[in-house]
Amino acid sequence: MVDREYQEQREYEYLSQYATKAAETKGRLKEETECTLRTAFQRDRDRIIHSKAFRRLMHKTQVFLSPEGDHYRTRLTHTIEVPQIARTIARGLALNEDLTEAVALGHDLGHTPFGHSGEAVLNEIYPYGFRHNEQSLRVVDKLEISPEGRRGMNLTWEVRDGILNHSGSGMPATPEGQIVRTSDRIAYINHDIDDAIRSGVIREDDLPVDCVKYLGSDHRTRIDTLVRDMINNSKDNEVISLSEEAAYYMDKLRAYMFRKVYYNENVKKAEQMENVEKVICGLYNHLMERPEKLPHELRQMRSFCSAEELVKDNVAGMTDRYAINMFNNWGLGY
C-alpha cells in the first residue's frame, strides 16, 4: 500500500537535498490529524481544487475583457498553465512537485473580477490598498467556507508562504515557491502574447527581434527555453532563478507587452474601463451603505473585521458576470 508514510520516506530517497519535505512541514494554523493516504502538501492541493474560490476563477478575466472567442485565457486557464510549467521545473530539479502544484493552484485565488483592471480600481477605493497576493492568502486562511461550515482551508505554512510571496516584494522561503513565482511570469507573458496575436492586437513579427532570437519564435519554444534555462541555472542550488541573460530577455518581452498590449486602447477600451470602474465603485459604495446585503458568512465576521474589509472581500470574490448582475439587479446603473 502506498500510504502517506511511504510517500514521505520516498521524498528523502529521491528528492534533492534542497527539496522541501512534507514530513518536515512547519505545520498548519490549527493542528489536525494527518491523512493516512496523502502527504500534507497533497492534501493542500486537493483542498484548493475543491474550493469555491477555485471554481470562480473560470469566470474571471485574465487580460481581455469580454473577448469574442472561446480560446482566450481566463483566470482559471492561467491557473492551470502555471502548475504545468512549475511542476516541469520542480521535476527537473528533483524538488517537491506536490508543494509546487499546491502553491501554483492557489496563487491567484484572491484576484478581483475584470482582471488587473478590477484590481487597480479596488486598490484605489479600499482605504488600505488592495494586492491580490495578500487577498489570496486571506481567501485560504479566512474566507473559504467548507461544506461542513469550517472557515479557512487550514493550509500548511509552506503553501501559504508561496501564495503570499508569488508576487510583490517578498521572496518565497522554499525553492518550490520560488519556482511558482517565476513560472507565473513565464505563463502569463507567453499566453498573453498568444491571446494578443489571436485578437489582432499584435503580430508575431512585431515582437522584439532580439527576444525572439534568444527565446524562440513561437509559444511552445519560448516556454521550453525558459523552463530549460531555469533548470540548468538552478542545479544544486537552493535559490531557484533564471540566468541573467534569460531573465533580461523575458523582462524585455514583459515590458513590450505592457507597452503594446496591457495598456493598449484596443484591449483596455475607454468605455470598458469606465464600466469596470463604475461597477466596482458602485458595488463597493452600495455595500458600504447597505452592509446587510453582504453574504451571511461575511456578516458573521463583523465582530473582528471592519466594514471596509468585508465589503472589499465580497467585491473581490465576485466573478465578472456576477458583479455585473448584482450591479444591474441593485439598480446601480441608473
Protein backbone atom coordinates (compact mmCIF):
# COMPACT_ATOMS: atom_id res chain seq x y z
CA MET A 1 0.00 0.00 0.00
CA VAL A 2 1.38 3.42 -0.98
CA ASP A 3 0.34 5.38 2.10
CA ARG A 4 1.43 8.77 3.41
CA GLU A 5 4.37 7.47 5.41
CA TYR A 6 5.70 5.53 2.41
CA GLN A 7 5.48 8.64 0.21
CA GLU A 8 7.19 10.77 2.85
CA GLN A 9 10.04 8.29 3.02
CA ARG A 10 10.37 8.26 -0.77
CA GLU A 11 10.85 12.01 -0.71
CA TYR A 12 14.01 11.57 1.38
CA GLU A 13 15.29 8.92 -1.00
CA TYR A 14 14.65 10.60 -4.34
CA LEU A 15 14.31 14.36 -3.89
CA SER A 16 17.13 16.88 -3.80
CA GLN A 17 18.71 17.88 -0.51
CA TYR A 18 17.19 21.31 -1.12
CA ALA A 19 13.64 20.00 -1.63
CA THR A 20 11.01 20.80 0.99
CA LYS A 21 9.95 17.51 2.58
CA ALA A 22 6.31 17.02 3.50
CA ALA A 23 7.25 15.34 6.77
CA GLU A 24 9.14 18.49 7.81
CA THR A 25 6.33 20.98 7.21
CA LYS A 26 6.18 23.84 9.68
CA GLY A 27 2.57 22.89 10.20
CA ARG A 28 -0.88 24.43 9.91
CA LEU A 29 -2.60 27.31 11.68
CA LYS A 30 -4.66 24.69 13.52
CA GLU A 31 -3.41 21.23 14.30
CA GLU A 32 -5.31 18.35 12.74
CA THR A 33 -4.98 14.61 12.29
CA GLU A 34 -2.81 13.64 9.34
CA CYS A 35 -4.35 11.87 6.34
CA THR A 36 -3.29 8.23 6.09
CA LEU A 37 -3.03 8.33 2.28
CA ARG A 38 -1.90 11.82 1.29
CA THR A 39 1.04 13.95 2.35
CA ALA A 40 0.35 17.38 3.83
CA PHE A 41 1.07 19.13 0.52
CA GLN A 42 -1.10 16.74 -1.49
CA ARG A 43 -3.91 17.45 0.93
CA ASP A 44 -3.47 21.20 0.46
CA ARG A 45 -3.61 20.79 -3.31
CA ASP A 46 -6.88 18.90 -3.06
CA ARG A 47 -8.44 21.47 -0.74
CA ILE A 48 -7.64 24.25 -3.18
CA ILE A 49 -9.00 22.37 -6.21
CA HIS A 50 -12.28 21.58 -4.43
CA SER A 51 -12.80 25.13 -3.14
CA LYS A 52 -15.46 27.54 -4.37
CA ALA A 53 -12.80 30.21 -4.83
CA PHE A 54 -11.01 27.97 -7.34
CA ARG A 55 -14.20 27.35 -9.33
CA ARG A 56 -14.92 31.07 -9.54
CA LEU A 57 -11.67 31.63 -11.44
CA MET A 58 -13.41 30.18 -14.51
CA HIS A 59 -15.47 33.37 -14.86
CA LYS A 60 -12.79 35.93 -14.02
CA THR A 61 -10.95 37.92 -16.68
CA GLN A 62 -7.26 37.36 -17.35
CA VAL A 63 -6.46 40.24 -19.78
CA PHE A 64 -9.14 40.63 -22.42
CA LEU A 65 -12.46 42.00 -21.14
CA SER A 66 -15.46 40.19 -22.71
CA PRO A 67 -13.46 38.70 -25.61
CA GLU A 68 -15.28 37.40 -28.67
CA GLY A 69 -13.99 33.85 -28.97
CA ASP A 70 -13.74 30.64 -26.99
CA HIS A 71 -9.97 30.31 -26.75
CA TYR A 72 -8.90 33.35 -24.75
CA ARG A 73 -7.43 32.66 -21.33
CA THR A 74 -9.41 33.17 -18.16
CA ARG A 75 -8.00 33.36 -14.67
CA LEU A 76 -8.69 29.62 -14.35
CA THR A 77 -6.85 28.56 -17.52
CA HIS A 78 -3.90 30.69 -16.40
CA THR A 79 -4.03 28.94 -13.02
CA ILE A 80 -3.90 25.56 -14.76
CA GLU A 81 -0.99 26.56 -17.01
CA VAL A 82 1.20 27.82 -14.16
CA PRO A 83 1.41 24.48 -12.27
CA GLN A 84 2.16 22.64 -15.53
CA ILE A 85 5.22 24.82 -16.07
CA ALA A 86 6.14 24.83 -12.40
CA ARG A 87 5.94 21.06 -11.99
CA THR A 88 8.17 20.50 -15.00
CA ILE A 89 10.82 22.70 -13.40
CA ALA A 90 10.37 21.07 -9.99
CA ARG A 91 10.72 17.62 -11.53
CA GLY A 92 13.86 18.64 -13.41
CA LEU A 93 15.42 19.86 -10.15
CA ALA A 94 14.15 16.94 -8.02
CA LEU A 95 12.16 19.33 -5.84
CA ASN A 96 8.75 18.70 -4.28
CA GLU A 97 6.15 18.65 -7.07
CA ASP A 98 3.21 18.41 -4.67
CA LEU A 99 4.17 21.59 -2.83
CA THR A 100 4.89 23.34 -6.13
CA GLU A 101 1.50 22.37 -7.53
CA ALA A 102 -0.41 23.44 -4.41
CA VAL A 103 1.18 26.88 -4.40
CA ALA A 104 0.60 27.32 -8.14
CA LEU A 105 -3.06 26.32 -7.93
CA GLY A 106 -3.71 28.71 -5.04
CA HIS A 107 -1.67 31.73 -6.10
CA ASP A 108 -4.48 33.72 -7.78
CA LEU A 109 -7.50 32.81 -5.64
CA GLY A 110 -7.74 36.40 -4.43
CA HIS A 111 -7.96 38.04 -7.84
CA THR A 112 -10.77 40.51 -8.47
CA PRO A 113 -13.33 40.44 -11.28
CA PHE A 114 -12.18 42.14 -14.52
CA GLY A 115 -8.54 41.14 -14.09
CA HIS A 116 -5.89 43.71 -13.20
CA SER A 117 -8.29 46.48 -14.21
CA GLY A 118 -10.59 45.49 -11.35
CA GLU A 119 -7.62 45.16 -9.01
CA ALA A 120 -6.46 48.69 -9.86
CA VAL A 121 -9.91 50.15 -9.10
CA LEU A 122 -10.26 48.27 -5.81
CA ASN A 123 -6.77 49.38 -4.83
CA GLU A 124 -7.87 52.98 -5.29
CA ILE A 125 -11.11 52.84 -3.31
CA TYR A 126 -10.21 50.43 -0.48
CA PRO A 127 -8.53 52.60 2.18
CA TYR A 128 -5.71 50.14 2.88
CA GLY A 129 -4.93 49.30 -0.74
CA PHE A 130 -5.54 46.02 -2.50
CA ARG A 131 -2.95 43.41 -3.53
CA HIS A 132 -4.19 40.15 -4.94
CA ASN A 133 -1.41 38.05 -3.38
CA GLU A 134 -2.45 39.21 0.10
CA GLN A 135 -6.09 38.61 -0.77
CA SER A 136 -5.26 35.09 -1.99
CA LEU A 137 -3.81 34.31 1.44
CA ARG A 138 -6.89 35.79 3.10
CA VAL A 139 -9.10 33.56 0.96
CA VAL A 140 -7.36 30.37 2.06
CA ASP A 141 -7.00 31.48 5.69
CA LYS A 142 -10.37 33.08 6.44
CA LEU A 143 -12.86 33.43 3.58
CA GLU A 144 -13.32 29.98 2.09
CA ILE A 145 -16.05 28.03 3.89
CA SER A 146 -16.10 24.24 3.67
CA PRO A 147 -19.37 22.31 3.08
CA GLU A 148 -19.19 21.39 6.76
CA GLY A 149 -19.00 25.06 7.75
CA ARG A 150 -15.30 25.27 8.64
CA ARG A 151 -13.75 28.66 7.96
CA GLY A 152 -10.47 28.68 6.01
CA MET A 153 -8.61 25.81 4.34
CA ASN A 154 -6.02 25.47 7.13
CA LEU A 155 -3.16 25.01 4.67
CA THR A 156 0.45 24.34 5.57
CA TRP A 157 2.89 27.16 6.28
CA GLU A 158 4.88 26.41 3.11
CA VAL A 159 1.89 26.67 0.78
CA ARG A 160 0.67 29.84 2.47
CA ASP A 161 4.14 31.39 2.19
CA GLY A 162 4.31 30.55 -1.52
CA ILE A 163 0.87 32.02 -2.19
CA LEU A 164 1.63 35.26 -0.35
CA ASN A 165 5.03 35.77 -1.97
CA HIS A 166 4.31 34.70 -5.54
CA SER A 167 4.28 38.42 -6.36
CA GLY A 168 5.19 41.62 -4.57
CA SER A 169 8.39 42.46 -2.74
CA GLY A 170 8.67 39.27 -0.70
CA MET A 171 10.51 36.16 -1.83
CA PRO A 172 9.15 32.67 -1.10
CA ALA A 173 11.07 30.82 1.60
CA THR A 174 11.01 27.50 -0.24
CA PRO A 175 12.61 26.66 -3.61
CA GLU A 176 9.22 25.35 -4.72
CA GLY A 177 7.62 28.72 -4.00
CA GLN A 178 10.41 30.42 -5.93
CA ILE A 179 9.63 28.19 -8.92
CA VAL A 180 5.98 29.28 -8.87
CA ARG A 181 6.91 32.96 -8.65
CA THR A 182 8.85 32.75 -11.94
CA SER A 183 6.52 30.20 -13.57
CA ASP A 184 3.62 32.62 -13.09
CA ARG A 185 5.51 35.22 -15.12
CA ILE A 186 6.60 32.70 -17.77
CA ALA A 187 2.99 31.60 -18.17
CA TYR A 188 1.25 34.95 -18.37
CA ILE A 189 3.77 36.65 -20.66
CA ASN A 190 3.63 33.83 -23.18
CA HIS A 191 -0.08 33.08 -23.12
CA ASP A 192 -0.87 36.79 -23.24
CA ILE A 193 1.26 37.02 -26.39
CA ASP A 194 -0.75 34.13 -27.80
CA ASP A 195 -4.07 35.84 -26.98
CA ALA A 196 -2.85 39.21 -28.27
CA ILE A 197 -1.85 37.68 -31.60
CA ARG A 198 -5.18 35.86 -31.83
CA SER A 199 -7.04 39.12 -31.21
CA GLY A 200 -5.02 41.01 -33.83
CA VAL A 201 -3.58 43.48 -31.32
CA ILE A 202 -0.04 42.43 -32.30
CA ARG A 203 1.56 40.10 -34.83
CA GLU A 204 4.29 37.54 -34.21
CA ASP A 205 6.59 39.69 -36.37
CA ASP A 206 6.05 42.64 -34.02
CA LEU A 207 7.85 41.01 -31.09
CA PRO A 208 11.34 42.38 -30.29
CA VAL A 209 13.79 40.70 -32.65
CA ASP A 210 16.46 40.02 -30.03
CA CYS A 211 13.89 38.42 -27.69
CA VAL A 212 12.64 36.18 -30.47
CA LYS A 213 16.19 35.22 -31.41
CA TYR A 214 17.05 34.24 -27.84
CA LEU A 215 13.76 32.83 -26.54
CA GLY A 216 12.18 31.46 -29.71
CA SER A 217 9.72 32.43 -32.42
CA ASP A 218 6.67 30.58 -31.12
CA HIS A 219 4.74 29.95 -27.91
CA ARG A 220 6.00 26.46 -27.11
CA THR A 221 9.65 27.25 -27.91
CA ARG A 222 9.72 30.32 -25.67
CA ILE A 223 8.30 28.39 -22.72
CA ASP A 224 10.67 25.47 -23.35
CA THR A 225 13.66 27.84 -23.48
CA LEU A 226 12.77 29.48 -20.17
CA VAL A 227 11.98 26.19 -18.42
CA ARG A 228 15.26 24.62 -19.51
CA ASP A 229 17.20 27.73 -18.57
CA MET A 230 15.69 27.77 -15.09
CA ILE A 231 16.53 24.11 -14.53
CA ASN A 232 20.10 24.45 -15.84
CA ASN A 233 20.73 27.65 -13.90
CA SER A 234 19.41 26.26 -10.61
CA LYS A 235 21.05 22.83 -10.40
CA ASP A 236 22.49 22.09 -6.97
CA ASN A 237 21.29 25.45 -5.68
CA GLU A 238 18.72 26.28 -3.03
CA VAL A 239 17.88 29.56 -4.78
CA ILE A 240 15.86 28.98 -7.94
CA SER A 241 16.15 31.53 -10.74
CA LEU A 242 16.63 32.15 -14.43
CA SER A 243 20.06 33.03 -15.74
CA GLU A 244 20.77 36.75 -16.03
CA GLU A 245 20.55 36.57 -19.82
CA ALA A 246 17.23 34.71 -19.91
CA ALA A 247 15.78 37.00 -17.24
CA TYR A 248 16.86 40.03 -19.27
CA TYR A 249 15.04 38.88 -22.41
CA MET A 250 11.95 37.77 -20.51
CA ASP A 251 11.76 41.13 -18.73
CA LYS A 252 12.23 42.93 -22.03
CA LEU A 253 9.39 40.91 -23.54
CA ARG A 254 7.24 41.71 -20.49
CA ALA A 255 7.96 45.44 -20.89
CA TYR A 256 6.96 45.16 -24.54
CA MET A 257 3.66 43.55 -23.54
CA PHE A 258 2.91 46.38 -21.13
CA ARG A 259 3.51 48.97 -23.84
CA LYS A 260 1.73 47.22 -26.69
CA VAL A 261 -0.93 45.06 -25.04
CA TYR A 262 -1.71 45.67 -21.37
CA TYR A 263 -2.05 49.44 -21.91
CA ASN A 264 -3.32 49.16 -25.49
CA GLU A 265 -6.55 51.08 -26.09
CA ASN A 266 -7.89 48.24 -28.25
CA VAL A 267 -7.50 45.87 -25.29
CA LYS A 268 -8.48 48.25 -22.49
CA LYS A 269 -11.09 50.27 -24.35
CA ALA A 270 -12.01 53.51 -22.62
CA GLU A 271 -15.67 52.62 -22.35
CA GLN A 272 -14.83 49.21 -20.91
CA MET A 273 -12.50 50.74 -18.33
CA GLU A 274 -15.20 53.23 -17.40
CA ASN A 275 -17.64 50.35 -16.97
CA VAL A 276 -15.19 48.41 -14.79
CA GLU A 277 -14.71 51.44 -12.56
CA LYS A 278 -18.44 52.11 -12.46
CA VAL A 279 -19.27 48.52 -11.49
CA ILE A 280 -16.53 48.08 -8.87
CA CYS A 281 -17.10 51.50 -7.28
CA GLY A 282 -20.87 51.13 -7.46
CA LEU A 283 -20.86 47.77 -5.72
CA TYR A 284 -18.34 48.88 -3.09
CA ASN A 285 -20.17 52.10 -2.21
CA HIS A 286 -23.60 50.42 -2.21
CA LEU A 287 -22.44 47.66 0.15
CA MET A 288 -20.80 50.19 2.45
CA GLU A 289 -24.18 51.91 2.72
CA ARG A 290 -26.13 48.64 2.93
CA PRO A 291 -23.85 46.10 4.71
CA GLU A 292 -26.89 43.91 5.44
CA LYS A 293 -26.63 42.84 1.78
CA LEU A 294 -23.29 41.17 2.42
CA PRO A 295 -23.39 37.34 2.33
CA HIS A 296 -24.14 35.69 5.66
CA GLU A 297 -20.64 34.21 6.02
CA LEU A 298 -19.13 37.70 5.77
CA ARG A 299 -21.64 39.29 8.14
CA GLN A 300 -20.54 36.70 10.71
CA MET A 301 -17.08 38.32 10.68
CA ARG A 302 -18.25 41.82 11.62
CA SER A 303 -17.07 41.47 15.22
CA PHE A 304 -13.40 41.21 14.19
CA CYS A 305 -13.28 42.80 10.70
CA SER A 306 -14.10 46.33 9.58
CA ALA A 307 -16.96 47.04 7.20
CA GLU A 308 -14.46 48.22 4.58
CA GLU A 309 -12.56 44.95 4.73
CA LEU A 310 -15.67 42.80 4.42
CA VAL A 311 -17.03 44.82 1.51
CA LYS A 312 -13.62 44.53 -0.18
CA ASP A 313 -13.71 40.77 0.39
CA ASN A 314 -17.15 40.48 -1.16
CA VAL A 315 -16.38 42.56 -4.25
CA ALA A 316 -13.00 40.90 -4.82
CA GLY A 317 -14.57 37.45 -4.67
CA MET A 318 -17.16 38.14 -7.36
CA THR A 319 -16.85 36.80 -10.90
CA ASP A 320 -17.18 39.22 -13.80
CA ARG A 321 -20.72 38.21 -14.65
CA TYR A 322 -21.90 38.08 -11.03
CA ALA A 323 -20.57 41.59 -10.41
CA ILE A 324 -22.41 42.89 -13.48
CA ASN A 325 -25.61 41.07 -12.49
CA MET A 326 -25.52 42.49 -8.94
CA PHE A 327 -24.80 45.96 -10.29
CA ASN A 328 -27.84 45.76 -12.57
CA ASN A 329 -30.11 43.98 -10.08
CA TRP A 330 -29.49 46.63 -7.45
CA GLY A 331 -30.23 49.37 -9.97
CA LEU A 332 -26.81 50.96 -9.61
CA GLY A 333 -26.52 51.86 -13.26
CA TYR A 334 -29.31 54.42 -13.14
